[in-house]
Structures are given as structure tokens and as C-alpha cells.
PDB file of N, CA and C in Angstrom:
ATOM      1  N   MET A   1      67.955  15.000  -6.700  1.00  0.00           N
ATOM      2  CA  MET A   1      66.727  14.440  -7.005  1.00  0.00           C
ATOM      3  C   MET A   1      66.803  13.136  -6.479  1.00  0.00           C
ATOM      4  N   ASP A   2      65.576  12.832  -5.673  1.00  0.00           N
ATOM      5  CA  ASP A   2      65.218  11.766  -5.310  1.00  0.00           C
ATOM      6  C   ASP A   2      64.729  10.708  -6.198  1.00  0.00           C
ATOM      7  N   ASP A   3      64.694   9.583  -5.655  1.00  0.00           N
ATOM      8  CA  ASP A   3      64.313   8.196  -6.412  1.00  0.00           C
ATOM      9  C   ASP A   3      63.000   8.301  -7.234  1.00  0.00           C
ATOM     10  N   LYS A   4      61.971   9.058  -6.574  1.00  0.00           N
ATOM     11  CA  LYS A   4      60.701   9.041  -7.404  1.00  0.00           C
ATOM     12  C   LYS A   4      60.825  10.206  -8.440  1.00  0.00           C
ATOM     13  N   GLU A   5      61.718  11.146  -8.362  1.00  0.00           N
ATOM     14  CA  GLU A   5      61.622  12.433  -9.252  1.00  0.00           C
ATOM     15  C   GLU A   5      62.257  12.040 -10.578  1.00  0.00           C
ATOM     16  N   PHE A   6      61.869  12.673 -11.757  1.00  0.00           N
ATOM     17  CA  PHE A   6      62.497  12.424 -12.961  1.00  0.00           C
ATOM     18  C   PHE A   6      62.595  13.983 -13.810  1.00  0.00           C
ATOM     19  N   LYS A   7      63.273  14.076 -14.533  1.00  0.00           N
ATOM     20  CA  LYS A   7      63.308  15.243 -15.437  1.00  0.00           C
ATOM     21  C   LYS A   7      63.151  14.768 -17.030  1.00  0.00           C
ATOM     22  N   PHE A   8      62.504  15.336 -17.766  1.00  0.00           N
ATOM     23  CA  PHE A   8      62.207  15.039 -18.943  1.00  0.00           C
ATOM     24  C   PHE A   8      62.410  16.597 -19.881  1.00  0.00           C
ATOM     25  N   GLU A   9      62.924  16.350 -20.920  1.00  0.00           N
ATOM     26  CA  GLU A   9      62.604  17.730 -22.072  1.00  0.00           C
ATOM     27  C   GLU A   9      62.324  17.111 -23.569  1.00  0.00           C
ATOM     28  N   VAL A  10      61.534  17.512 -24.006  1.00  0.00           N
ATOM     29  CA  VAL A  10      61.021  17.226 -25.340  1.00  0.00           C
ATOM     30  C   VAL A  10      61.925  18.051 -26.237  1.00  0.00           C
ATOM     31  N   THR A  11      62.991  17.481 -26.781  1.00  0.00           N
ATOM     32  CA  THR A  11      63.937  18.211 -27.361  1.00  0.00           C
ATOM     33  C   THR A  11      63.653  18.525 -29.056  1.00  0.00           C
ATOM     34  N   ARG A  12      62.746  17.591 -29.602  1.00  0.00           N
ATOM     35  CA  ARG A  12      62.059  17.881 -30.820  1.00  0.00           C
ATOM     36  C   ARG A  12      60.819  17.210 -31.097  1.00  0.00           C
ATOM     37  N   GLN A  13      59.778  18.008 -31.178  1.00  0.00           N
ATOM     38  CA  GLN A  13      58.363  17.391 -31.740  1.00  0.00           C
ATOM     39  C   GLN A  13      58.558  16.796 -33.182  1.00  0.00           C
ATOM     40  N   ILE A  14      58.457  15.589 -33.312  1.00  0.00           N
ATOM     41  CA  ILE A  14      58.494  15.230 -34.872  1.00  0.00           C
ATOM     42  C   ILE A  14      57.133  15.111 -35.666  1.00  0.00           C
ATOM     43  N   GLY A  15      56.069  14.520 -34.867  1.00  0.00           N
ATOM     44  CA  GLY A  15      55.078  14.519 -35.385  1.00  0.00           C
ATOM     45  C   GLY A  15      53.630  14.058 -34.518  1.00  0.00           C
ATOM     46  N   LEU A  16      52.305  14.384 -34.874  1.00  0.00           N
ATOM     47  CA  LEU A  16      51.302  14.031 -34.350  1.00  0.00           C
ATOM     48  C   LEU A  16      50.732  12.591 -34.827  1.00  0.00           C
ATOM     49  N   LEU A  17      50.386  11.642 -33.833  1.00  0.00           N
ATOM     50  CA  LEU A  17      49.911  10.448 -34.424  1.00  0.00           C
ATOM     51  C   LEU A  17      48.206  10.369 -34.339  1.00  0.00           C
ATOM     52  N   GLY A  18      47.752  11.207 -33.353  1.00  0.00           N
ATOM     53  CA  GLY A  18      46.233  11.167 -33.238  1.00  0.00           C
ATOM     54  C   GLY A  18      45.896  12.054 -31.925  1.00  0.00           C
ATOM     55  N   GLU A  19      44.497  12.164 -31.752  1.00  0.00           N
ATOM     56  CA  GLU A  19      44.360  13.241 -30.613  1.00  0.00           C
ATOM     57  C   GLU A  19      42.824  12.631 -30.078  1.00  0.00           C
ATOM     58  N   SER A  20      43.017  12.339 -28.787  1.00  0.00           N
ATOM     59  CA  SER A  20      41.421  11.782 -28.240  1.00  0.00           C
ATOM     60  C   SER A  20      40.570  13.122 -27.753  1.00  0.00           C
ATOM     61  N   SER A  21      39.424  12.589 -27.756  1.00  0.00           N
ATOM     62  CA  SER A  21      38.527  13.532 -27.420  1.00  0.00           C
ATOM     63  C   SER A  21      38.581  14.449 -26.313  1.00  0.00           C
ATOM     64  N   LYS A  22      39.582  14.097 -25.213  1.00  0.00           N
ATOM     65  CA  LYS A  22      39.812  15.123 -24.343  1.00  0.00           C
ATOM     66  C   LYS A  22      41.082  15.992 -24.327  1.00  0.00           C
ATOM     67  N   GLY A  23      41.565  16.027 -25.744  1.00  0.00           N
ATOM     68  CA  GLY A  23      42.583  16.764 -26.044  1.00  0.00           C
ATOM     69  C   GLY A  23      44.008  16.236 -25.669  1.00  0.00           C
ATOM     70  N   TRP A  24      44.121  14.986 -25.204  1.00  0.00           N
ATOM     71  CA  TRP A  24      45.561  14.371 -24.965  1.00  0.00           C
ATOM     72  C   TRP A  24      45.889  13.983 -26.625  1.00  0.00           C
ATOM     73  N   ARG A  25      47.153  14.137 -26.815  1.00  0.00           N
ATOM     74  CA  ARG A  25      47.647  13.920 -28.204  1.00  0.00           C
ATOM     75  C   ARG A  25      48.786  12.842 -28.086  1.00  0.00           C
ATOM     76  N   LYS A  26      48.503  11.813 -28.904  1.00  0.00           N
ATOM     77  CA  LYS A  26      49.654  10.720 -29.098  1.00  0.00           C
ATOM     78  C   LYS A  26      50.859  11.373 -29.986  1.00  0.00           C
ATOM     79  N   GLU A  27      52.122  11.515 -29.624  1.00  0.00           N
ATOM     80  CA  GLU A  27      52.893  12.082 -30.541  1.00  0.00           C
ATOM     81  C   GLU A  27      54.368  11.253 -30.508  1.00  0.00           C
ATOM     82  N   LEU A  28      55.104  11.574 -31.680  1.00  0.00           N
ATOM     83  CA  LEU A  28      56.459  10.899 -31.749  1.00  0.00           C
ATOM     84  C   LEU A  28      57.144  12.080 -31.666  1.00  0.00           C
ATOM     85  N   ASN A  29      58.156  12.014 -30.385  1.00  0.00           N
ATOM     86  CA  ASN A  29      58.950  13.144 -29.916  1.00  0.00           C
ATOM     87  C   ASN A  29      60.343  12.456 -29.788  1.00  0.00           C
ATOM     88  N   LEU A  30      61.393  13.386 -29.781  1.00  0.00           N
ATOM     89  CA  LEU A  30      62.845  12.978 -29.110  1.00  0.00           C
ATOM     90  C   LEU A  30      62.644  13.687 -27.670  1.00  0.00           C
ATOM     91  N   VAL A  31      62.906  12.795 -26.810  1.00  0.00           N
ATOM     92  CA  VAL A  31      62.782  13.217 -25.479  1.00  0.00           C
ATOM     93  C   VAL A  31      64.109  12.637 -24.638  1.00  0.00           C
ATOM     94  N   SER A  32      64.472  13.670 -23.851  1.00  0.00           N
ATOM     95  CA  SER A  32      65.771  13.384 -22.754  1.00  0.00           C
ATOM     96  C   SER A  32      65.133  12.936 -21.599  1.00  0.00           C
ATOM     97  N   TRP A  33      65.371  12.122 -21.169  1.00  0.00           N
ATOM     98  CA  TRP A  33      65.128  11.553 -19.656  1.00  0.00           C
ATOM     99  C   TRP A  33      65.951  11.655 -18.778  1.00  0.00           C
ATOM    100  N   ASN A  34      65.985  12.570 -17.761  1.00  0.00           N
ATOM    101  CA  ASN A  34      67.052  12.449 -16.567  1.00  0.00           C
ATOM    102  C   ASN A  34      68.285  12.940 -17.418  1.00  0.00           C
ATOM    103  N   GLU A  35      68.151  14.077 -18.123  1.00  0.00           N
ATOM    104  CA  GLU A  35      69.471  14.538 -18.800  1.00  0.00           C
ATOM    105  C   GLU A  35      70.420  13.681 -19.735  1.00  0.00           C
ATOM    106  N   ARG A  36      69.689  12.708 -19.944  1.00  0.00           N
ATOM    107  CA  ARG A  36      70.428  11.822 -20.981  1.00  0.00           C
ATOM    108  C   ARG A  36      70.392  11.967 -22.277  1.00  0.00           C
ATOM    109  N   GLU A  37      70.791  11.265 -23.307  1.00  0.00           N
ATOM    110  CA  GLU A  37      70.875  11.404 -24.749  1.00  0.00           C
ATOM    111  C   GLU A  37      69.180  11.384 -25.131  1.00  0.00           C
ATOM    112  N   ALA A  38      68.796  12.255 -25.838  1.00  0.00           N
ATOM    113  CA  ALA A  38      67.354  12.049 -26.116  1.00  0.00           C
ATOM    114  C   ALA A  38      67.265  10.877 -27.115  1.00  0.00           C
ATOM    115  N   LYS A  39      66.179  10.357 -26.911  1.00  0.00           N
ATOM    116  CA  LYS A  39      65.494   9.115 -27.559  1.00  0.00           C
ATOM    117  C   LYS A  39      64.287   9.505 -28.278  1.00  0.00           C
ATOM    118  N   LEU A  40      64.041   8.365 -29.273  1.00  0.00           N
ATOM    119  CA  LEU A  40      62.434   8.478 -30.016  1.00  0.00           C
ATOM    120  C   LEU A  40      61.524   7.910 -28.956  1.00  0.00           C
ATOM    121  N   ASP A  41      60.384   8.563 -28.758  1.00  0.00           N
ATOM    122  CA  ASP A  41      59.600   8.357 -27.806  1.00  0.00           C
ATOM    123  C   ASP A  41      58.156   8.633 -28.434  1.00  0.00           C
ATOM    124  N   ILE A  42      57.033   7.559 -28.193  1.00  0.00           N
ATOM    125  CA  ILE A  42      55.633   7.510 -28.700  1.00  0.00           C
ATOM    126  C   ILE A  42      54.999   7.606 -27.410  1.00  0.00           C
ATOM    127  N   ARG A  43      54.235   8.598 -26.875  1.00  0.00           N
ATOM    128  CA  ARG A  43      53.291   8.438 -25.697  1.00  0.00           C
ATOM    129  C   ARG A  43      52.216   9.552 -26.005  1.00  0.00           C
ATOM    130  N   GLU A  44      51.120   9.558 -25.143  1.00  0.00           N
ATOM    131  CA  GLU A  44      50.167  10.559 -25.055  1.00  0.00           C
ATOM    132  C   GLU A  44      50.546  11.647 -24.101  1.00  0.00           C
ATOM    133  N   TRP A  45      50.261  12.879 -24.365  1.00  0.00           N
ATOM    134  CA  TRP A  45      50.542  13.953 -23.635  1.00  0.00           C
ATOM    135  C   TRP A  45      49.511  14.913 -23.518  1.00  0.00           C
ATOM    136  N   SER A  46      49.365  15.421 -22.132  1.00  0.00           N
ATOM    137  CA  SER A  46      48.208  16.346 -22.043  1.00  0.00           C
ATOM    138  C   SER A  46      48.423  17.773 -23.045  1.00  0.00           C
ATOM    139  N   PRO A  47      47.443  18.419 -23.059  1.00  0.00           N
ATOM    140  CA  PRO A  47      47.669  19.684 -24.005  1.00  0.00           C
ATOM    141  C   PRO A  47      48.698  20.405 -23.712  1.00  0.00           C
ATOM    142  N   ASP A  48      49.111  20.752 -22.314  1.00  0.00           N
ATOM    143  CA  ASP A  48      50.200  21.517 -22.069  1.00  0.00           C
ATOM    144  C   ASP A  48      51.674  20.826 -21.790  1.00  0.00           C
ATOM    145  N   HIS A  49      51.559  19.514 -21.955  1.00  0.00           N
ATOM    146  CA  HIS A  49      52.605  18.688 -21.984  1.00  0.00           C
ATOM    147  C   HIS A  49      53.044  18.514 -20.506  1.00  0.00           C
ATOM    148  N   GLN A  50      52.518  18.849 -19.581  1.00  0.00           N
ATOM    149  CA  GLN A  50      52.799  18.681 -18.257  1.00  0.00           C
ATOM    150  C   GLN A  50      52.553  17.280 -17.882  1.00  0.00           C
ATOM    151  N   LYS A  51      51.633  16.358 -18.357  1.00  0.00           N
ATOM    152  CA  LYS A  51      51.083  15.106 -17.674  1.00  0.00           C
ATOM    153  C   LYS A  51      51.304  14.369 -19.047  1.00  0.00           C
ATOM    154  N   MET A  52      51.791  12.933 -18.671  1.00  0.00           N
ATOM    155  CA  MET A  52      51.949  12.204 -19.923  1.00  0.00           C
ATOM    156  C   MET A  52      51.302  10.867 -19.422  1.00  0.00           C
ATOM    157  N   GLY A  53      51.046   9.996 -20.487  1.00  0.00           N
ATOM    158  CA  GLY A  53      50.672   8.395 -20.500  1.00  0.00           C
ATOM    159  C   GLY A  53      51.858   7.554 -20.435  1.00  0.00           C
ATOM    160  N   LYS A  54      51.494   6.410 -20.317  1.00  0.00           N
ATOM    161  CA  LYS A  54      52.588   5.486 -20.662  1.00  0.00           C
ATOM    162  C   LYS A  54      52.951   5.480 -22.031  1.00  0.00           C
ATOM    163  N   GLY A  55      54.436   5.296 -22.275  1.00  0.00           N
ATOM    164  CA  GLY A  55      54.849   5.280 -23.696  1.00  0.00           C
ATOM    165  C   GLY A  55      55.891   4.495 -23.875  1.00  0.00           C
ATOM    166  N   VAL A  56      56.554   4.276 -25.354  1.00  0.00           N
ATOM    167  CA  VAL A  56      57.451   3.550 -25.467  1.00  0.00           C
ATOM    168  C   VAL A  56      58.567   4.479 -25.900  1.00  0.00           C
ATOM    169  N   THR A  57      59.932   4.470 -25.376  1.00  0.00           N
ATOM    170  CA  THR A  57      60.950   5.100 -25.855  1.00  0.00           C
ATOM    171  C   THR A  57      61.985   3.959 -26.406  1.00  0.00           C
ATOM    172  N   LEU A  58      62.438   4.477 -27.727  1.00  0.00           N
ATOM    173  CA  LEU A  58      63.394   3.714 -28.542  1.00  0.00           C
ATOM    174  C   LEU A  58      64.755   4.421 -28.688  1.00  0.00           C
ATOM    175  N   SER A  59      65.613   3.355 -28.752  1.00  0.00           N
ATOM    176  CA  SER A  59      67.110   3.852 -29.364  1.00  0.00           C
ATOM    177  C   SER A  59      66.899   4.128 -30.794  1.00  0.00           C
ATOM    178  N   LYS A  60      67.747   4.652 -31.192  1.00  0.00           N
ATOM    179  CA  LYS A  60      67.923   4.760 -32.993  1.00  0.00           C
ATOM    180  C   LYS A  60      68.151   3.449 -33.426  1.00  0.00           C
ATOM    181  N   GLU A  61      68.635   2.506 -33.109  1.00  0.00           N
ATOM    182  CA  GLU A  61      68.854   0.974 -33.466  1.00  0.00           C
ATOM    183  C   GLU A  61      67.501   0.591 -33.407  1.00  0.00           C
ATOM    184  N   GLU A  62      66.626   0.570 -32.162  1.00  0.00           N
ATOM    185  CA  GLU A  62      65.462   0.016 -32.026  1.00  0.00           C
ATOM    186  C   GLU A  62      64.577   0.588 -33.262  1.00  0.00           C
ATOM    187  N   ALA A  63      64.486   2.025 -33.271  1.00  0.00           N
ATOM    188  CA  ALA A  63      63.563   2.635 -34.089  1.00  0.00           C
ATOM    189  C   ALA A  63      63.969   2.131 -35.403  1.00  0.00           C
ATOM    190  N   THR A  64      65.144   2.075 -36.006  1.00  0.00           N
ATOM    191  CA  THR A  64      65.579   1.473 -37.443  1.00  0.00           C
ATOM    192  C   THR A  64      64.803  -0.098 -37.853  1.00  0.00           C
ATOM    193  N   LYS A  65      64.710  -0.769 -36.471  1.00  0.00           N
ATOM    194  CA  LYS A  65      64.302  -2.131 -36.592  1.00  0.00           C
ATOM    195  C   LYS A  65      62.674  -2.094 -36.921  1.00  0.00           C
ATOM    196  N   LEU A  66      62.142  -0.942 -35.782  1.00  0.00           N
ATOM    197  CA  LEU A  66      60.665  -0.791 -35.924  1.00  0.00           C
ATOM    198  C   LEU A  66      60.351  -0.416 -37.317  1.00  0.00           C
ATOM    199  N   ALA A  67      61.188   0.491 -37.917  1.00  0.00           N
ATOM    200  CA  ALA A  67      60.488   0.931 -39.159  1.00  0.00           C
ATOM    201  C   ALA A  67      60.770  -0.264 -40.379  1.00  0.00           C
ATOM    202  N   GLU A  68      61.686  -1.112 -40.150  1.00  0.00           N
ATOM    203  CA  GLU A  68      61.878  -2.160 -41.023  1.00  0.00           C
ATOM    204  C   GLU A  68      60.584  -3.229 -40.681  1.00  0.00           C
ATOM    205  N   LEU A  69      60.409  -3.471 -39.661  1.00  0.00           N
ATOM    206  CA  LEU A  69      59.013  -4.549 -39.400  1.00  0.00           C
ATOM    207  C   LEU A  69      58.014  -3.829 -39.902  1.00  0.00           C
ATOM    208  N   LEU A  70      57.753  -2.306 -39.665  1.00  0.00           N
ATOM    209  CA  LEU A  70      56.351  -1.653 -40.222  1.00  0.00           C
ATOM    210  C   LEU A  70      56.276  -1.762 -41.781  1.00  0.00           C
ATOM    211  N   LYS A  71      57.521  -1.174 -42.271  1.00  0.00           N
ATOM    212  CA  LYS A  71      57.647  -1.786 -43.838  1.00  0.00           C
ATOM    213  C   LYS A  71      57.029  -2.794 -44.359  1.00  0.00           C
ATOM    214  N   GLY A  72      57.630  -4.051 -43.737  1.00  0.00           N
ATOM    215  CA  GLY A  72      57.167  -5.236 -44.041  1.00  0.00           C
ATOM    216  C   GLY A  72      55.718  -5.269 -43.884  1.00  0.00           C
ATOM    217  N   TYR A  73      55.117  -5.171 -42.482  1.00  0.00           N
ATOM    218  CA  TYR A  73      53.621  -5.279 -42.343  1.00  0.00           C
ATOM    219  C   TYR A  73      52.985  -4.509 -43.241  1.00  0.00           C
ATOM    220  N   LEU A  74      53.413  -3.307 -43.708  1.00  0.00           N
ATOM    221  CA  LEU A  74      52.629  -2.450 -44.587  1.00  0.00           C
ATOM    222  C   LEU A  74      52.434  -2.765 -45.885  1.00  0.00           C
ATOM    223  N   ALA A  75      53.580  -3.667 -46.308  1.00  0.00           N
ATOM    224  CA  ALA A  75      53.691  -4.197 -47.613  1.00  0.00           C
ATOM    225  C   ALA A  75      52.605  -5.596 -47.853  1.00  0.00           C
ATOM    226  N   THR A  76      52.126  -5.901 -46.767  1.00  0.00           N
ATOM    227  CA  THR A  76      51.195  -7.122 -46.810  1.00  0.00           C
ATOM    228  C   THR A  76      49.728  -6.852 -47.023  1.00  0.00           C
TER     229      THR A  76
END
């Protein structure tokens, strides 16, 4: 694998957050990058999951902290 190549595998589709008029879907998934442990991932995907937009990948600890922050935000 050369430096510019990477592998990914969506190991679990958790949920759809939204969809654009062009069919790209913003999703929350568990994704394994370069055969590493799967992490929570939020990003847009093409309808066939062959192309992706920029996204955010979170460890379990980061996802827990995000959930706490969102809970506080949504309570206001």
C-alpha cells in the first residue's frame, strides 16, 4: 500500500443524519480505517459508498464526551 492509498470498511451502519438533493447521505457509522479498530464516523457518502466527503472520526471516549456536550446543549 503506498502512502496515498488507504483502506476502509464500514463495519456497522448506525443511522442516517440527512440526505442532499444529489443523493449523498450524511451518516453515522462504525468505520475501520487501514484495518485498524473501527471508530464512530460522521461524513457524507455517495449513494454507492465508493466516494466520501470529509468527516469526523471519534474514539469511544470522544463520542462519550460529545454525547455529554450535546445533552447539555439540547437541554438549553
